[in-house]
Amino acid sequence: MTTKKSVFETLSNINVNNKVEKKNGLTYLSWAWAWAVVKQNYPKATYQVYENGDGLNFHHDGNTAWVKTGVTIEDIEHIEYLPVMNYRNKSITLEELTSFDVNSSIQRSLTKAMARHGLGLYIYAGEDLPKQDEKKDVKKKVTMIDLEIGDGNWEKVMRYVGANKSLGLPKIVENLQKKYNVKASVKKEMAKAIK
């Protein structure tokens, strides 16, 4: 007899590494891709953007704003609250708030709500941990990113290689392998940049 996997077991076993982007030191999962994966696995899944008492799709305290979203899969809703932030991940005052900022926060909040169901949850591991010891444990569990020539991380990595030529290729690769899976073809490209 086969036991049906839970929603969390199913979604948490999906590798999202090739669908993430790095911006300002944070890792982002494409909301469109995440929603497509959820719907492929759970066609009846729904989401909700909660409005405030005035019918606006954000909430505020008179100074800053946040959004509230929920994703329901198989009758289980996970709700996520997220501040409306600028490109530096700092809260935006109501005077600076734009519909684009609110929409971006809604999509990020929905993605985090999907993560509560399991999809890409490991991306957020450590973002709320205050103790150094706990951060060390989380780093051991984080999945490595496959570094490919020309991918979204390539330009940043090549800037690092150029700025650290004096370390030599073995040390540069050792440092990069703390975060990336570095293939032989990628090492060859780096070696060319060091010459």
Protein backbone atom coordinates (compact mmCIF):
# COMPACT_ATOMS: atom_id res chain seq x y z
CA MET A 1 0.00 0.00 0.00
CA THR A 2 1.38 3.39 -0.99
CA THR A 3 1.13 6.26 1.46
CA LYS A 4 0.24 9.60 -0.07
CA LYS A 5 2.86 12.26 0.58
CA SER A 6 1.79 15.36 2.44
CA VAL A 7 1.79 18.72 0.66
CA PHE A 8 4.87 19.70 2.64
CA GLU A 9 6.74 16.50 1.76
CA THR A 10 5.92 16.93 -1.93
CA LEU A 11 6.81 20.63 -2.23
CA SER A 12 9.85 20.59 0.05
CA ASN A 13 11.45 17.90 -2.12
CA ILE A 14 11.42 20.15 -5.21
CA ASN A 15 14.83 21.68 -5.95
CA VAL A 16 14.40 25.40 -6.62
CA ASN A 17 18.10 26.30 -6.88
CA ASN A 18 18.01 26.97 -10.62
CA LYS A 19 15.04 29.34 -10.20
CA VAL A 20 16.50 31.71 -7.62
CA GLU A 21 18.07 35.13 -8.09
CA LYS A 22 20.36 37.04 -5.78
CA LYS A 23 19.67 40.74 -5.14
CA ASN A 24 21.26 42.89 -2.44
CA GLY A 25 22.52 39.83 -0.59
CA LEU A 26 19.12 38.11 -0.49
CA THR A 27 17.86 35.11 -2.43
CA TYR A 28 14.58 35.41 -4.32
CA LEU A 29 12.45 32.70 -5.87
CA SER A 30 10.42 33.66 -8.94
CA TRP A 31 6.80 33.96 -7.81
CA ALA A 32 5.49 33.00 -11.27
CA TRP A 33 7.56 29.82 -11.36
CA ALA A 34 6.61 28.96 -7.77
CA TRP A 35 2.90 29.41 -8.47
CA ALA A 36 3.16 27.29 -11.64
CA VAL A 37 4.80 24.46 -9.66
CA VAL A 38 2.14 24.65 -6.95
CA LYS A 39 -0.68 24.55 -9.54
CA GLN A 40 0.96 21.66 -11.43
CA ASN A 41 1.02 19.63 -8.23
CA TYR A 42 -2.21 20.97 -6.70
CA PRO A 43 -4.57 22.32 -9.38
CA LYS A 44 -7.17 23.40 -6.80
CA ALA A 45 -4.69 25.59 -4.86
CA THR A 46 -5.81 29.19 -4.34
CA TYR A 47 -4.33 32.40 -3.00
CA GLN A 48 -5.78 35.42 -1.26
CA VAL A 49 -4.60 39.02 -0.98
CA TYR A 50 -6.19 40.43 2.18
CA GLU A 51 -7.50 43.98 1.94
CA ASN A 52 -7.66 46.45 4.81
CA GLY A 53 -10.89 47.96 6.15
CA ASP A 54 -10.80 50.64 3.43
CA GLY A 55 -10.57 48.08 0.62
CA LEU A 56 -6.86 48.70 -0.07
CA ASN A 57 -4.59 45.75 -0.84
CA PHE A 58 -2.14 46.80 1.87
CA HIS A 59 -2.29 47.61 5.57
CA HIS A 60 -0.60 50.50 7.37
CA ASP A 61 0.08 52.06 10.74
CA GLY A 62 0.12 55.65 9.47
CA ASN A 63 3.86 55.48 8.81
CA THR A 64 4.75 52.29 6.92
CA ALA A 65 2.81 49.56 5.14
CA TRP A 66 2.67 45.78 4.84
CA VAL A 67 0.73 43.22 2.87
CA LYS A 68 -1.08 40.11 4.04
CA THR A 69 -1.49 37.13 1.73
CA GLY A 70 -2.51 33.52 2.07
CA VAL A 71 -2.04 30.38 -0.01
CA THR A 72 -4.45 27.48 0.45
CA ILE A 73 -3.52 23.97 -0.63
CA GLU A 74 -5.74 21.01 0.21
CA ASP A 75 -7.75 23.09 2.69
CA ILE A 76 -4.69 24.31 4.60
CA GLU A 77 -4.03 28.05 4.42
CA HIS A 78 -0.68 29.55 5.30
CA ILE A 79 -0.74 33.32 5.80
CA GLU A 80 2.26 35.58 5.34
CA TYR A 81 2.77 39.22 6.30
CA LEU A 82 5.48 41.22 4.54
CA PRO A 83 6.50 44.87 4.84
CA VAL A 84 6.34 46.99 1.71
CA MET A 85 10.01 47.66 1.07
CA ASN A 86 12.29 49.47 -1.36
CA TYR A 87 15.08 47.88 -3.41
CA ARG A 88 17.33 48.03 -0.32
CA ASN A 89 14.81 45.97 1.66
CA LYS A 90 13.95 48.89 3.92
CA SER A 91 10.36 49.76 4.81
CA ILE A 92 8.85 52.51 2.68
CA THR A 93 6.92 55.38 4.26
CA LEU A 94 3.33 55.90 3.14
CA GLU A 95 4.38 59.11 1.36
CA GLU A 96 6.86 57.14 -0.80
CA LEU A 97 4.57 54.15 -1.41
CA THR A 98 3.74 53.24 -5.02
CA SER A 99 1.43 50.61 -6.47
CA PHE A 100 4.52 48.91 -7.91
CA ASP A 101 6.03 48.58 -4.41
CA VAL A 102 2.79 47.09 -3.08
CA ASN A 103 2.48 44.67 -6.00
CA SER A 104 6.10 43.52 -5.58
CA SER A 105 5.52 42.90 -1.88
CA ILE A 106 2.34 40.96 -2.62
CA GLN A 107 4.20 38.64 -5.02
CA ARG A 108 7.07 38.15 -2.53
CA SER A 109 4.58 37.52 0.28
CA LEU A 110 2.74 34.92 -1.80
CA THR A 111 6.05 33.20 -2.55
CA LYS A 112 6.84 33.08 1.16
CA ALA A 113 3.35 31.69 1.86
CA MET A 114 4.06 28.95 -0.70
CA ALA A 115 7.35 28.30 1.11
CA ARG A 116 5.39 27.68 4.31
CA HIS A 117 3.80 24.81 2.37
CA GLY A 118 7.34 23.57 1.62
CA LEU A 119 8.32 25.00 -1.79
CA GLY A 120 11.77 26.57 -1.40
CA LEU A 121 11.45 26.88 2.37
CA TYR A 122 15.19 26.28 2.79
CA ILE A 123 15.86 29.60 1.03
CA TYR A 124 14.56 31.43 4.09
CA ALA A 125 16.48 29.34 6.62
CA GLY A 126 18.41 31.64 8.91
CA GLU A 127 16.75 34.94 8.02
CA ASP A 128 15.19 35.17 11.47
CA LEU A 129 17.89 33.53 13.61
CA PRO A 130 19.53 35.85 16.15
CA LYS A 131 22.26 33.55 17.53
CA GLN A 132 25.59 32.94 15.83
CA ASP A 133 25.57 29.22 16.71
CA GLU A 134 22.20 28.68 15.05
CA LYS A 135 23.41 30.49 11.92
CA LYS A 136 26.33 28.06 11.65
CA ASP A 137 23.94 25.10 11.75
CA VAL A 138 21.74 26.64 9.05
CA LYS A 139 24.69 27.23 6.72
CA LYS A 140 25.45 23.52 6.75
CA LYS A 141 21.92 22.75 5.53
CA VAL A 142 21.80 25.30 2.68
CA THR A 143 21.93 23.74 -0.77
CA MET A 144 24.73 24.84 -3.08
CA ILE A 145 23.99 26.86 -6.21
CA ASP A 146 25.17 25.45 -9.54
CA LEU A 147 27.39 28.08 -11.13
CA GLU A 148 27.00 28.16 -14.91
CA ILE A 149 28.83 30.32 -17.42
CA GLY A 150 26.57 33.25 -18.29
CA ASP A 151 23.92 32.61 -15.61
CA GLY A 152 22.57 35.28 -13.26
CA ASN A 153 25.51 34.91 -10.85
CA TRP A 154 28.26 34.74 -13.47
CA GLU A 155 28.97 38.48 -13.78
CA LYS A 156 29.23 38.90 -10.00
CA VAL A 157 31.53 35.88 -9.71
CA MET A 158 33.78 37.14 -12.50
CA ARG A 159 34.05 40.53 -10.76
CA TYR A 160 35.15 38.67 -7.65
CA VAL A 161 37.68 36.65 -9.66
CA GLY A 162 39.08 39.82 -11.26
CA ALA A 163 39.36 41.62 -7.94
CA ASN A 164 41.10 38.66 -6.27
CA LYS A 165 43.55 37.50 -8.96
CA SER A 166 46.40 37.72 -6.46
CA LEU A 167 44.90 34.83 -4.44
CA GLY A 168 45.40 32.44 -7.33
CA LEU A 169 42.86 30.13 -8.91
CA PRO A 170 42.91 27.36 -6.24
CA LYS A 171 42.07 29.79 -3.40
CA ILE A 172 39.44 31.63 -5.48
CA VAL A 173 37.73 28.34 -6.32
CA GLU A 174 37.94 27.22 -2.67
CA ASN A 175 36.21 30.45 -1.58
CA LEU A 176 33.53 30.17 -4.27
CA GLN A 177 32.82 26.54 -3.40
CA LYS A 178 31.43 27.66 -0.06
CA LYS A 179 28.40 28.87 -2.00
CA TYR A 180 28.59 27.42 -5.53
CA ASN A 181 29.11 24.11 -7.26
CA VAL A 182 32.02 24.93 -9.58
CA LYS A 183 32.47 22.65 -12.61
CA ALA A 184 35.71 22.13 -14.51
CA SER A 185 34.44 24.21 -17.47
CA VAL A 186 33.74 27.10 -15.11
CA LYS A 187 37.25 26.80 -13.61
CA LYS A 188 38.73 27.02 -17.12
CA GLU A 189 36.87 30.28 -17.77
CA MET A 190 38.07 31.67 -14.46
CA ALA A 191 41.65 30.67 -15.29
CA LYS A 192 41.42 32.67 -18.53
CA ALA A 193 40.31 35.75 -16.58
CA ILE A 194 43.22 35.46 -14.16
CA LYS A 195 45.92 35.36 -16.89
